Amino acid sequence: MADIDSGSARRTPRKRADARRNEATLLDAAAAAFVSSGVDAPVRDIAARAGVGVGTIYRHFPTRADLVVAVYRHQVEACAEAGPTLLANGGAPYVALAQWIDLFVDFLVTKHGLAEALQSDDATFETLHAYFLDRLVPVCAQLLDAAATAGEIRPDVTAFEVLRGVGNLCIGAGDPRYDARRLVELLIAGLGQPRTAGPR
């Protein structure tokens, strides 16, 4: 019996890991569909992207609001987890910061795709903005502090300012005449420029 129990204990975490991977694949597919077609993208299209049946989506997310919230949280978590990973890779903190901001821009593209739903009166969405700030402001602050300590950027910029600034630059990302990513790159490059001394 001990062998059977121990074998079962070994199998359970693997199933849970598989379930998490499958859910992540589904949420990535939904995010891509929301970007290309909006939050009203047909569930069958999301299922086809994810390689699952429509019933699988409804089993995990009974309503579209459930799916929207799950996509948003999945994107936030992926962005939050990437910050420490990039910083731990051993490169220059400024490079890690720039790479993370690039990921954050990718997230914002998805978030703006969800904007209409997130700004609705549905109580399901009420706590998402606070969740976004609680998870991402500390990550951005960690990256900024590391780069400032290394002398790579000016030390007087807060994480909230950077995230708000990047967010504002990304508002017009759907206009083909506007390159939000280029403007964000200029903003991040500006963090590394030392302040010029005033006249003596």
N, C-alpha and C. Protein backbone atom coordinates (compact mmCIF):
# COMPACT_ATOMS: atom_id res chain seq x y z
N MET A 1 0.82 -1.21 0.00
CA MET A 1 0.00 0.00 0.00
C MET A 1 0.85 1.25 0.00
N ALA A 2 1.99 1.18 0.69
CA ALA A 2 2.85 2.36 0.76
C ALA A 2 3.32 2.75 -0.63
N ASP A 3 3.65 1.73 -1.46
CA ASP A 3 4.13 2.03 -2.81
C ASP A 3 3.03 2.69 -3.65
N ILE A 4 1.80 2.18 -3.50
CA ILE A 4 0.69 2.74 -4.28
C ILE A 4 0.44 4.18 -3.87
N ASP A 5 0.41 4.42 -2.54
CA ASP A 5 0.16 5.77 -2.07
C ASP A 5 1.23 6.74 -2.54
N SER A 6 2.50 6.26 -2.44
CA SER A 6 3.58 7.16 -2.83
C SER A 6 3.57 7.43 -4.32
N GLY A 7 3.19 6.42 -5.12
CA GLY A 7 3.09 6.63 -6.55
C GLY A 7 2.01 7.62 -6.89
N SER A 8 0.87 7.51 -6.16
CA SER A 8 -0.23 8.44 -6.38
C SER A 8 0.18 9.86 -6.02
N ALA A 9 0.94 9.99 -4.93
CA ALA A 9 1.39 11.32 -4.49
C ALA A 9 2.31 11.94 -5.53
N ARG A 10 3.10 11.05 -6.18
CA ARG A 10 4.02 11.58 -7.20
C ARG A 10 3.26 12.02 -8.43
N ARG A 11 2.15 11.31 -8.76
CA ARG A 11 1.42 11.63 -9.98
C ARG A 11 0.59 12.91 -9.85
N THR A 12 0.05 13.17 -8.65
CA THR A 12 -0.86 14.30 -8.48
C THR A 12 -0.24 15.64 -8.86
N PRO A 13 0.97 15.98 -8.36
CA PRO A 13 1.55 17.27 -8.74
C PRO A 13 1.75 17.40 -10.24
N ARG A 14 2.08 16.23 -10.92
CA ARG A 14 2.29 16.29 -12.35
C ARG A 14 0.99 16.67 -13.06
N LYS A 15 -0.13 16.09 -12.59
CA LYS A 15 -1.42 16.43 -13.18
C LYS A 15 -1.74 17.90 -12.96
N ARG A 16 -1.44 18.38 -11.77
CA ARG A 16 -1.72 19.79 -11.50
C ARG A 16 -0.86 20.68 -12.39
N ALA A 17 0.40 20.30 -12.59
CA ALA A 17 1.28 21.09 -13.47
C ALA A 17 0.75 21.06 -14.89
N ASP A 18 0.28 19.90 -15.34
CA ASP A 18 -0.30 19.80 -16.69
C ASP A 18 -1.53 20.68 -16.82
N ALA A 19 -2.36 20.66 -15.77
CA ALA A 19 -3.58 21.48 -15.80
C ALA A 19 -3.22 22.96 -15.86
N ARG A 20 -2.18 23.35 -15.12
CA ARG A 20 -1.76 24.76 -15.15
C ARG A 20 -1.24 25.14 -16.53
N ARG A 21 -0.47 24.24 -17.14
CA ARG A 21 0.04 24.53 -18.49
C ARG A 21 -1.10 24.64 -19.50
N ASN A 22 -2.07 23.72 -19.38
CA ASN A 22 -3.21 23.74 -20.30
C ASN A 22 -4.01 25.03 -20.14
N GLU A 23 -4.20 25.45 -18.89
CA GLU A 23 -4.94 26.69 -18.64
C GLU A 23 -4.17 27.89 -19.18
N ALA A 24 -2.84 27.88 -18.99
CA ALA A 24 -2.02 28.98 -19.51
C ALA A 24 -2.11 29.05 -21.03
N THR A 25 -2.09 27.88 -21.69
CA THR A 25 -2.23 27.85 -23.15
C THR A 25 -3.57 28.43 -23.59
N LEU A 26 -4.61 28.07 -22.86
CA LEU A 26 -5.95 28.57 -23.18
C LEU A 26 -6.02 30.08 -23.00
N LEU A 27 -5.43 30.57 -21.89
CA LEU A 27 -5.48 32.01 -21.62
C LEU A 27 -4.64 32.80 -22.61
N ASP A 28 -3.49 32.25 -23.02
CA ASP A 28 -2.68 32.90 -24.05
C ASP A 28 -3.47 33.00 -25.36
N ALA A 29 -4.19 31.93 -25.69
CA ALA A 29 -5.00 31.93 -26.91
C ALA A 29 -6.11 32.97 -26.81
N ALA A 30 -6.75 33.05 -25.65
CA ALA A 30 -7.81 34.04 -25.47
C ALA A 30 -7.26 35.46 -25.56
N ALA A 31 -6.09 35.69 -24.97
CA ALA A 31 -5.47 37.01 -25.03
C ALA A 31 -5.19 37.41 -26.47
N ALA A 32 -4.65 36.47 -27.25
CA ALA A 32 -4.35 36.75 -28.66
C ALA A 32 -5.64 37.04 -29.43
N ALA A 33 -6.68 36.29 -29.13
CA ALA A 33 -7.96 36.51 -29.81
C ALA A 33 -8.55 37.87 -29.44
N PHE A 34 -8.41 38.26 -28.18
CA PHE A 34 -8.93 39.55 -27.74
C PHE A 34 -8.19 40.69 -28.42
N VAL A 35 -6.88 40.53 -28.61
CA VAL A 35 -6.10 41.57 -29.28
C VAL A 35 -6.54 41.72 -30.74
N SER A 36 -6.72 40.58 -31.41
CA SER A 36 -7.02 40.66 -32.84
C SER A 36 -8.49 40.92 -33.13
N SER A 37 -9.39 40.45 -32.25
CA SER A 37 -10.82 40.54 -32.56
C SER A 37 -11.66 41.21 -31.48
N GLY A 38 -11.04 41.63 -30.36
CA GLY A 38 -11.80 42.22 -29.27
C GLY A 38 -12.34 41.16 -28.32
N VAL A 39 -12.91 41.61 -27.21
CA VAL A 39 -13.37 40.68 -26.19
C VAL A 39 -14.59 39.87 -26.62
N ASP A 40 -15.20 40.26 -27.75
CA ASP A 40 -16.34 39.50 -28.25
C ASP A 40 -15.91 38.42 -29.24
N ALA A 41 -14.63 38.13 -29.28
CA ALA A 41 -14.14 37.07 -30.17
C ALA A 41 -14.90 35.77 -29.89
N PRO A 42 -15.34 35.08 -30.94
CA PRO A 42 -16.10 33.85 -30.74
C PRO A 42 -15.31 32.83 -29.92
N VAL A 43 -16.01 32.16 -29.03
CA VAL A 43 -15.36 31.15 -28.18
C VAL A 43 -14.77 30.04 -29.05
N ARG A 44 -15.42 29.72 -30.15
CA ARG A 44 -14.89 28.65 -31.02
C ARG A 44 -13.53 29.04 -31.60
N ASP A 45 -13.32 30.35 -31.86
CA ASP A 45 -12.02 30.79 -32.36
C ASP A 45 -10.94 30.66 -31.29
N ILE A 46 -11.30 31.00 -30.05
CA ILE A 46 -10.35 30.85 -28.94
C ILE A 46 -10.01 29.38 -28.74
N ALA A 47 -11.04 28.53 -28.80
CA ALA A 47 -10.82 27.09 -28.64
C ALA A 47 -9.89 26.55 -29.73
N ALA A 48 -10.11 27.02 -30.96
CA ALA A 48 -9.27 26.56 -32.07
C ALA A 48 -7.82 26.98 -31.87
N ARG A 49 -7.61 28.22 -31.41
CA ARG A 49 -6.25 28.70 -31.15
C ARG A 49 -5.58 27.87 -30.06
N ALA A 50 -6.35 27.49 -29.06
CA ALA A 50 -5.80 26.76 -27.91
C ALA A 50 -5.70 25.26 -28.18
N GLY A 51 -6.36 24.79 -29.24
CA GLY A 51 -6.35 23.36 -29.53
C GLY A 51 -7.20 22.55 -28.57
N VAL A 52 -8.30 23.15 -28.10
CA VAL A 52 -9.21 22.46 -27.18
C VAL A 52 -10.63 22.58 -27.71
N GLY A 53 -11.55 21.85 -27.09
CA GLY A 53 -12.95 21.95 -27.45
C GLY A 53 -13.61 23.15 -26.79
N VAL A 54 -14.70 23.61 -27.37
CA VAL A 54 -15.43 24.74 -26.80
C VAL A 54 -15.90 24.41 -25.38
N GLY A 55 -16.30 23.16 -25.17
CA GLY A 55 -16.77 22.75 -23.85
C GLY A 55 -15.70 22.92 -22.78
N THR A 56 -14.44 22.75 -23.15
CA THR A 56 -13.34 22.91 -22.19
C THR A 56 -13.29 24.34 -21.68
N ILE A 57 -13.48 25.29 -22.57
CA ILE A 57 -13.45 26.70 -22.16
C ILE A 57 -14.60 27.00 -21.21
N TYR A 58 -15.80 26.53 -21.57
CA TYR A 58 -16.95 26.80 -20.70
C TYR A 58 -16.84 26.08 -19.36
N ARG A 59 -16.17 24.95 -19.35
CA ARG A 59 -15.99 24.23 -18.10
C ARG A 59 -15.10 25.02 -17.15
N HIS A 60 -14.06 25.65 -17.69
CA HIS A 60 -13.15 26.46 -16.87
C HIS A 60 -13.70 27.86 -16.60
N PHE A 61 -14.35 28.43 -17.60
CA PHE A 61 -14.82 29.83 -17.52
C PHE A 61 -16.27 29.89 -18.00
N PRO A 62 -17.22 29.72 -17.07
CA PRO A 62 -18.64 29.64 -17.46
C PRO A 62 -19.17 30.89 -18.17
N THR A 63 -18.62 32.07 -17.85
CA THR A 63 -19.08 33.30 -18.51
C THR A 63 -17.90 33.99 -19.18
N ARG A 64 -18.22 34.89 -20.11
CA ARG A 64 -17.17 35.66 -20.77
C ARG A 64 -16.44 36.55 -19.77
N ALA A 65 -17.17 37.09 -18.79
CA ALA A 65 -16.52 37.91 -17.76
C ALA A 65 -15.48 37.10 -17.00
N ASP A 66 -15.78 35.84 -16.70
CA ASP A 66 -14.81 34.97 -16.03
C ASP A 66 -13.54 34.83 -16.87
N LEU A 67 -13.72 34.69 -18.17
CA LEU A 67 -12.57 34.53 -19.07
C LEU A 67 -11.76 35.81 -19.16
N VAL A 68 -12.45 36.96 -19.25
CA VAL A 68 -11.75 38.25 -19.32
C VAL A 68 -10.90 38.46 -18.07
N VAL A 69 -11.49 38.22 -16.90
CA VAL A 69 -10.75 38.39 -15.65
C VAL A 69 -9.55 37.45 -15.60
N ALA A 70 -9.75 36.21 -16.02
CA ALA A 70 -8.66 35.23 -15.98
C ALA A 70 -7.52 35.63 -16.92
N VAL A 71 -7.86 36.14 -18.11
CA VAL A 71 -6.83 36.59 -19.06
C VAL A 71 -6.05 37.75 -18.46
N TYR A 72 -6.76 38.70 -17.88
CA TYR A 72 -6.12 39.87 -17.28
C TYR A 72 -5.15 39.44 -16.17
N ARG A 73 -5.62 38.59 -15.27
CA ARG A 73 -4.78 38.14 -14.16
C ARG A 73 -3.58 37.33 -14.66
N HIS A 74 -3.81 36.51 -15.67
CA HIS A 74 -2.72 35.70 -16.25
C HIS A 74 -1.64 36.59 -16.83
N GLN A 75 -2.06 37.65 -17.52
CA GLN A 75 -1.10 38.57 -18.12
C GLN A 75 -0.33 39.32 -17.03
N VAL A 76 -1.04 39.75 -15.99
CA VAL A 76 -0.38 40.46 -14.89
C VAL A 76 0.64 39.56 -14.21
N GLU A 77 0.26 38.32 -13.93
CA GLU A 77 1.16 37.39 -13.25
C GLU A 77 2.40 37.10 -14.09
N ALA A 78 2.22 36.90 -15.38
CA ALA A 78 3.36 36.64 -16.26
C ALA A 78 4.33 37.82 -16.24
N CYS A 79 3.78 39.02 -16.27
CA CYS A 79 4.60 40.23 -16.26
C CYS A 79 5.32 40.38 -14.91
N ALA A 80 4.59 40.11 -13.83
CA ALA A 80 5.18 40.24 -12.49
C ALA A 80 6.30 39.24 -12.28
N GLU A 81 6.12 38.00 -12.73
CA GLU A 81 7.12 36.96 -12.53
C GLU A 81 8.35 37.19 -13.39
N ALA A 82 8.19 37.88 -14.51
CA ALA A 82 9.32 38.09 -15.42
C ALA A 82 10.36 39.04 -14.85
N GLY A 83 9.93 40.01 -14.02
CA GLY A 83 10.86 41.02 -13.51
C GLY A 83 12.02 40.43 -12.74
N PRO A 84 11.77 39.68 -11.66
CA PRO A 84 12.86 39.07 -10.90
C PRO A 84 13.70 38.10 -11.73
N THR A 85 13.05 37.41 -12.66
CA THR A 85 13.79 36.47 -13.51
C THR A 85 14.80 37.21 -14.38
N LEU A 86 14.36 38.29 -15.01
CA LEU A 86 15.27 39.08 -15.85
C LEU A 86 16.41 39.66 -15.02
N LEU A 87 16.09 40.11 -13.82
CA LEU A 87 17.11 40.70 -12.95
C LEU A 87 18.12 39.67 -12.50
N ALA A 88 17.67 38.44 -12.31
CA ALA A 88 18.55 37.37 -11.83
C ALA A 88 19.43 36.78 -12.93
N ASN A 89 19.20 37.16 -14.17
CA ASN A 89 19.97 36.59 -15.28
C ASN A 89 21.42 37.05 -15.30
N GLY A 90 21.75 38.06 -14.47
CA GLY A 90 23.14 38.45 -14.33
C GLY A 90 23.60 39.56 -15.24
N GLY A 91 22.74 40.05 -16.11
CA GLY A 91 23.12 41.15 -16.98
C GLY A 91 22.98 42.48 -16.26
N ALA A 92 23.16 43.55 -17.00
CA ALA A 92 23.02 44.89 -16.42
C ALA A 92 21.58 45.12 -16.00
N PRO A 93 21.34 45.67 -14.81
CA PRO A 93 19.97 45.94 -14.36
C PRO A 93 19.19 46.82 -15.33
N TYR A 94 19.86 47.78 -15.98
CA TYR A 94 19.17 48.64 -16.93
C TYR A 94 18.62 47.83 -18.11
N VAL A 95 19.39 46.84 -18.55
CA VAL A 95 18.93 45.97 -19.64
C VAL A 95 17.71 45.17 -19.19
N ALA A 96 17.77 44.65 -17.96
CA ALA A 96 16.63 43.91 -17.42
C ALA A 96 15.40 44.81 -17.34
N LEU A 97 15.60 46.06 -16.91
CA LEU A 97 14.50 47.02 -16.83
C LEU A 97 13.89 47.26 -18.21
N ALA A 98 14.74 47.50 -19.21
CA ALA A 98 14.25 47.76 -20.57
C ALA A 98 13.50 46.55 -21.12
N GLN A 99 14.02 45.35 -20.85
CA GLN A 99 13.35 44.13 -21.33
C GLN A 99 12.00 43.96 -20.65
N TRP A 100 11.96 44.28 -19.36
CA TRP A 100 10.71 44.13 -18.63
C TRP A 100 9.67 45.14 -19.12
N ILE A 101 10.10 46.37 -19.36
CA ILE A 101 9.18 47.38 -19.88
C ILE A 101 8.62 46.95 -21.23
N ASP A 102 9.44 46.28 -22.03
CA ASP A 102 8.98 45.78 -23.33
C ASP A 102 7.86 44.76 -23.13
N LEU A 103 8.03 43.88 -22.13
CA LEU A 103 6.99 42.91 -21.81
C LEU A 103 5.74 43.62 -21.29
N PHE A 104 5.95 44.66 -20.51
CA PHE A 104 4.83 45.43 -19.97
C PHE A 104 4.04 46.08 -21.10
N VAL A 105 4.73 46.56 -22.12
CA VAL A 105 4.05 47.14 -23.28
C VAL A 105 3.20 46.06 -23.97
N ASP A 106 3.76 44.86 -24.11
CA ASP A 106 2.97 43.77 -24.69
C ASP A 106 1.70 43.52 -23.88
N PHE A 107 1.85 43.55 -22.56
CA PHE A 107 0.69 43.37 -21.69
C PHE A 107 -0.34 44.48 -21.91
N LEU A 108 0.13 45.71 -22.03
CA LEU A 108 -0.79 46.84 -22.19
C LEU A 108 -1.58 46.74 -23.49
N VAL A 109 -0.96 46.19 -24.51
CA VAL A 109 -1.69 46.01 -25.77
C VAL A 109 -2.89 45.10 -25.52
N THR A 110 -2.67 44.03 -24.76
CA THR A 110 -3.76 43.13 -24.42
C THR A 110 -4.76 43.83 -23.52
N LYS A 111 -4.26 44.58 -22.55
CA LYS A 111 -5.15 45.26 -21.61
C LYS A 111 -6.04 46.26 -22.34
N HIS A 112 -5.48 46.99 -23.28
CA HIS A 112 -6.32 47.93 -24.02
C HIS A 112 -7.32 47.19 -24.89
N GLY A 113 -6.96 45.98 -25.31
CA GLY A 113 -7.94 45.16 -26.02
C GLY A 113 -9.11 44.78 -25.12
N LEU A 114 -8.86 44.73 -23.81
CA LEU A 114 -9.90 44.39 -22.84
C LEU A 114 -10.57 45.63 -22.25
N ALA A 115 -10.15 46.80 -22.69
CA ALA A 115 -10.56 48.04 -22.02
C ALA A 115 -12.07 48.19 -21.91
N GLU A 116 -12.77 47.89 -22.98
CA GLU A 116 -14.23 48.08 -22.96
C GLU A 116 -14.88 47.25 -21.87
N ALA A 117 -14.45 45.99 -21.76
CA ALA A 117 -15.02 45.11 -20.74
C ALA A 117 -14.60 45.56 -19.35
N LEU A 118 -13.33 45.93 -19.20
CA LEU A 118 -12.82 46.29 -17.88
C LEU A 118 -13.46 47.57 -17.35
N GLN A 119 -13.93 48.44 -18.25
CA GLN A 119 -14.54 49.70 -17.83
C GLN A 119 -16.06 49.60 -17.68
N SER A 120 -16.58 48.39 -17.80
CA SER A 120 -18.02 48.21 -17.66
C SER A 120 -18.41 48.28 -16.19
N ASP A 121 -19.70 48.24 -15.95
CA ASP A 121 -20.21 48.30 -14.58
C ASP A 121 -20.24 46.94 -13.90
N ASP A 122 -19.76 45.92 -14.58
CA ASP A 122 -19.77 44.57 -14.02
C ASP A 122 -18.89 44.52 -12.77
N ALA A 123 -19.47 44.10 -11.65
CA ALA A 123 -18.73 44.05 -10.38
C ALA A 123 -17.54 43.10 -10.45
N THR A 124 -17.56 42.17 -11.41
CA THR A 124 -16.46 41.21 -11.56
C THR A 124 -15.13 41.91 -11.78
N PHE A 125 -15.17 43.11 -12.42
CA PHE A 125 -13.94 43.78 -12.83
C PHE A 125 -13.44 44.83 -11.83
N GLU A 126 -14.21 45.06 -10.76
CA GLU A 126 -13.93 46.21 -9.89
C GLU A 126 -12.55 46.18 -9.25
N THR A 127 -12.07 45.02 -8.86
CA THR A 127 -10.81 44.94 -8.11
C THR A 127 -9.57 44.79 -9.00
N LEU A 128 -9.75 44.73 -10.31
CA LEU A 128 -8.63 44.40 -11.18
C LEU A 128 -7.56 45.49 -11.23
N HIS A 129 -7.96 46.75 -11.19
CA HIS A 129 -6.96 47.82 -11.26
C HIS A 129 -6.05 47.81 -10.03
N ALA A 130 -6.65 47.62 -8.85
CA ALA A 130 -5.85 47.54 -7.62
C ALA A 130 -4.93 46.33 -7.67
N TYR A 131 -5.43 45.23 -8.21
CA TYR A 131 -4.61 44.02 -8.36
C TYR A 131 -3.41 44.28 -9.26
N PHE A 132 -3.66 44.96 -10.36
CA PHE A 132 -2.61 45.35 -11.31
C PHE A 132 -1.52 46.15 -10.62
N LEU A 133 -1.90 47.17 -9.85
CA LEU A 133 -0.92 48.02 -9.17
C LEU A 133 -0.18 47.24 -8.08
N ASP A 134 -0.91 46.45 -7.30
CA ASP A 134 -0.30 45.69 -6.21
C ASP A 134 0.77 44.73 -6.71
N ARG A 135 0.57 44.16 -7.89
CA ARG A 135 1.51 43.17 -8.41
C ARG A 135 2.66 43.81 -9.19
N LEU A 136 2.39 44.86 -9.96
CA LEU A 136 3.41 45.35 -10.88
C LEU A 136 4.23 46.53 -10.37
N VAL A 137 3.67 47.38 -9.53
CA VAL A 137 4.46 48.50 -9.01
C VAL A 137 5.70 48.01 -8.23
N PRO A 138 5.56 47.03 -7.32
CA PRO A 138 6.76 46.55 -6.62
C PRO A 138 7.82 45.94 -7.54
N VAL A 139 7.39 45.26 -8.59
CA VAL A 139 8.34 44.66 -9.53
C VAL A 139 9.11 45.75 -10.27
N CYS A 140 8.39 46.76 -10.74
CA CYS A 140 9.04 47.87 -11.43
C CYS A 140 9.98 48.60 -10.48
N ALA A 141 9.57 48.78 -9.23
CA ALA A 141 10.42 49.45 -8.23
C ALA A 141 11.71 48.67 -8.00
N GLN A 142 11.61 47.36 -7.96
CA GLN A 142 12.81 46.52 -7.77
C GLN A 142 13.80 46.71 -8.92
N LEU A 143 13.28 46.75 -10.14
CA LEU A 143 14.14 46.94 -11.31
C LEU A 143 14.75 48.33 -11.33
N LEU A 144 13.95 49.34 -11.02
CA LEU A 144 14.46 50.71 -10.98
C LEU A 144 15.53 50.87 -9.90
N ASP A 145 15.29 50.30 -8.73
CA ASP A 145 16.26 50.40 -7.63
C ASP A 145 17.59 49.75 -8.01
N ALA A 146 17.50 48.59 -8.66
CA ALA A 146 18.73 47.89 -9.05
C ALA A 146 19.52 48.70 -10.07
N ALA A 147 18.81 49.27 -11.05
CA ALA A 147 19.49 50.07 -12.07
C ALA A 147 20.05 51.37 -11.48
N ALA A 148 19.32 51.98 -10.54
CA ALA A 148 19.81 53.21 -9.91
C ALA A 148 21.03 52.92 -9.02
N THR A 149 20.99 51.82 -8.29
CA THR A 149 22.12 51.43 -7.44
C THR A 149 23.37 51.16 -8.27
N ALA A 150 23.16 50.62 -9.47
CA ALA A 150 24.28 50.37 -10.37
C ALA A 150 24.75 51.63 -11.08
N GLY A 151 24.09 52.75 -10.84
CA GLY A 151 24.47 54.01 -11.47
C GLY A 151 24.08 54.12 -12.92
N GLU A 152 23.12 53.29 -13.36
CA GLU A 152 22.75 53.24 -14.77
C GLU A 152 21.60 54.19 -15.12
N ILE A 153 20.81 54.55 -14.13
CA ILE A 153 19.70 55.48 -14.38
C ILE A 153 19.64 56.51 -13.26
N ARG A 154 18.92 57.56 -13.50
CA ARG A 154 18.70 58.58 -12.47
C ARG A 154 17.84 57.97 -11.37
N PRO A 155 18.10 58.36 -10.12
CA PRO A 155 17.42 57.69 -9.00
C PRO A 155 16.11 58.32 -8.55
N ASP A 156 15.68 59.37 -9.23
CA ASP A 156 14.55 60.15 -8.71
C ASP A 156 13.23 59.90 -9.44
N VAL A 157 13.08 58.73 -10.05
CA VAL A 157 11.86 58.39 -10.75
C VAL A 157 11.19 57.21 -10.03
N THR A 158 9.90 57.32 -9.79
CA THR A 158 9.21 56.25 -9.08
C THR A 158 8.61 55.24 -10.04
N ALA A 159 8.35 54.05 -9.51
CA ALA A 159 7.76 52.99 -10.32
C ALA A 159 6.37 53.39 -10.83
N PHE A 160 5.59 54.05 -9.99
CA PHE A 160 4.26 54.47 -10.42
C PHE A 160 4.35 55.45 -11.59
N GLU A 161 5.31 56.38 -11.51
CA GLU A 161 5.48 57.35 -12.61
C GLU A 161 5.82 56.63 -13.92
N VAL A 162 6.73 55.66 -13.83
CA VAL A 162 7.14 54.95 -15.05
C VAL A 162 5.97 54.16 -15.63
N LEU A 163 5.26 53.41 -14.79
CA LEU A 163 4.15 52.61 -15.29
C LEU A 163 3.03 53.49 -15.85
N ARG A 164 2.77 54.59 -15.17
CA ARG A 164 1.72 55.50 -15.66
C ARG A 164 2.15 56.14 -16.98
N GLY A 165 3.42 56.54 -17.06
CA GLY A 165 3.92 57.15 -18.29
C GLY A 165 3.87 56.19 -19.46
N VAL A 166 4.32 54.96 -19.23
CA VAL A 166 4.28 53.96 -20.30
C VAL A 166 2.83 53.68 -20.70
N GLY A 167 1.96 53.58 -19.70
CA GLY A 167 0.55 53.33 -19.99
C GLY A 167 -0.06 54.43 -20.85
N ASN A 168 0.25 55.67 -20.53
CA ASN A 168 -0.28 56.78 -21.32
C ASN A 168 0.24 56.76 -22.76
N LEU A 169 1.51 56.39 -22.91
CA LEU A 169 2.08 56.32 -24.26
C LEU A 169 1.46 55.21 -25.09
N CYS A 170 0.94 54.19 -24.42
CA CYS A 170 0.38 53.04 -25.15
C CYS A 170 -1.10 53.21 -25.50
N ILE A 171 -1.72 54.29 -25.04
CA ILE A 171 -3.14 54.47 -25.28
C ILE A 171 -3.47 54.49 -26.77
N GLY A 172 -2.62 55.11 -27.57
CA GLY A 172 -2.89 55.21 -29.00
C GLY A 172 -2.30 54.08 -29.83
N ALA A 173 -1.99 52.95 -29.18
CA ALA A 173 -1.26 51.88 -29.88
C ALA A 173 -2.03 51.29 -31.05
N GLY A 174 -3.36 51.45 -31.09
CA GLY A 174 -4.12 50.89 -32.19
C GLY A 174 -4.06 51.69 -33.48
N ASP A 175 -3.51 52.90 -33.42
CA ASP A 175 -3.42 53.77 -34.60
C ASP A 175 -2.15 53.41 -35.39
N PRO A 176 -2.27 52.99 -36.65
CA PRO A 176 -1.09 52.59 -37.42
C PRO A 176 -0.09 53.74 -37.64
N ARG A 177 -0.54 54.98 -37.46
CA ARG A 177 0.36 56.13 -37.63
C ARG A 177 1.19 56.39 -36.38
N TYR A 178 0.93 55.64 -35.31
CA TYR A 178 1.55 55.91 -34.01
C TYR A 178 2.32 54.68 -33.54
N ASP A 179 3.61 54.86 -33.29
CA ASP A 179 4.46 53.76 -32.83
C ASP A 179 4.70 53.91 -31.33
N ALA A 180 3.82 53.32 -30.54
CA ALA A 180 3.91 53.46 -29.09
C ALA A 180 5.21 52.88 -28.56
N ARG A 181 5.64 51.77 -29.11
CA ARG A 181 6.86 51.12 -28.60
C ARG A 181 8.08 52.01 -28.78
N ARG A 182 8.16 52.73 -29.88
CA ARG A 182 9.30 53.64 -30.11
C ARG A 182 9.29 54.76 -29.07
N LEU A 183 8.12 55.29 -28.76
CA LEU A 183 8.03 56.35 -27.76
C LEU A 183 8.41 55.84 -26.38
N VAL A 184 8.01 54.61 -26.08
CA VAL A 184 8.37 54.02 -24.79
C VAL A 184 9.88 53.82 -24.71
N GLU A 185 10.48 53.40 -25.81
CA GLU A 185 11.94 53.23 -25.83
C GLU A 185 12.64 54.55 -25.55
N LEU A 186 12.11 55.63 -26.10
CA LEU A 186 12.70 56.95 -25.84
C LEU A 186 12.56 57.33 -24.37
N LEU A 187 11.41 57.00 -23.79
CA LEU A 187 11.19 57.28 -22.37
C LEU A 187 12.20 56.53 -21.51
N ILE A 188 12.38 55.26 -21.77
CA ILE A 188 13.29 54.44 -20.97
C ILE A 188 14.74 54.87 -21.20
N ALA A 189 15.07 55.23 -22.44
CA ALA A 189 16.41 55.75 -22.71
C ALA A 189 16.66 57.02 -21.91
N GLY A 190 15.62 57.84 -21.75
CA GLY A 190 15.76 59.09 -21.01
C GLY A 190 16.07 58.86 -19.54
N LEU A 191 15.69 57.73 -18.99
CA LEU A 191 16.01 57.44 -17.59
C LEU A 191 17.51 57.33 -17.37
N GLY A 192 18.22 56.94 -18.42
CA GLY A 192 19.66 56.76 -18.29
C GLY A 192 20.47 58.00 -18.56
N GLN A 193 19.80 59.08 -18.95
CA GLN A 193 20.53 60.30 -19.25
C GLN A 193 20.73 61.11 -17.97
N PRO A 194 21.95 61.41 -17.62
CA PRO A 194 22.18 62.19 -16.39
C PRO A 194 21.61 63.59 -16.52
N ARG A 195 21.16 64.13 -15.41
CA ARG A 195 20.67 65.50 -15.42
C ARG A 195 21.83 66.47 -15.65
N THR A 196 21.60 67.42 -16.50
CA THR A 196 22.66 68.39 -16.74
C THR A 196 22.70 69.40 -15.61
N ALA A 197 23.88 69.81 -15.28
CA ALA A 197 24.04 70.78 -14.19
C ALA A 197 23.54 72.14 -14.65
N GLY A 198 22.92 72.88 -13.76
CA GLY A 198 22.43 74.20 -14.08
C GLY A 198 23.57 75.20 -14.10
N PRO A 199 23.28 76.42 -14.48
CA PRO A 199 24.34 77.46 -14.54
C PRO A 199 24.86 77.76 -13.15
N ARG A 200 26.14 78.01 -13.06
CA ARG A 200 26.77 78.35 -11.77
C ARG A 200 26.86 79.84 -11.58
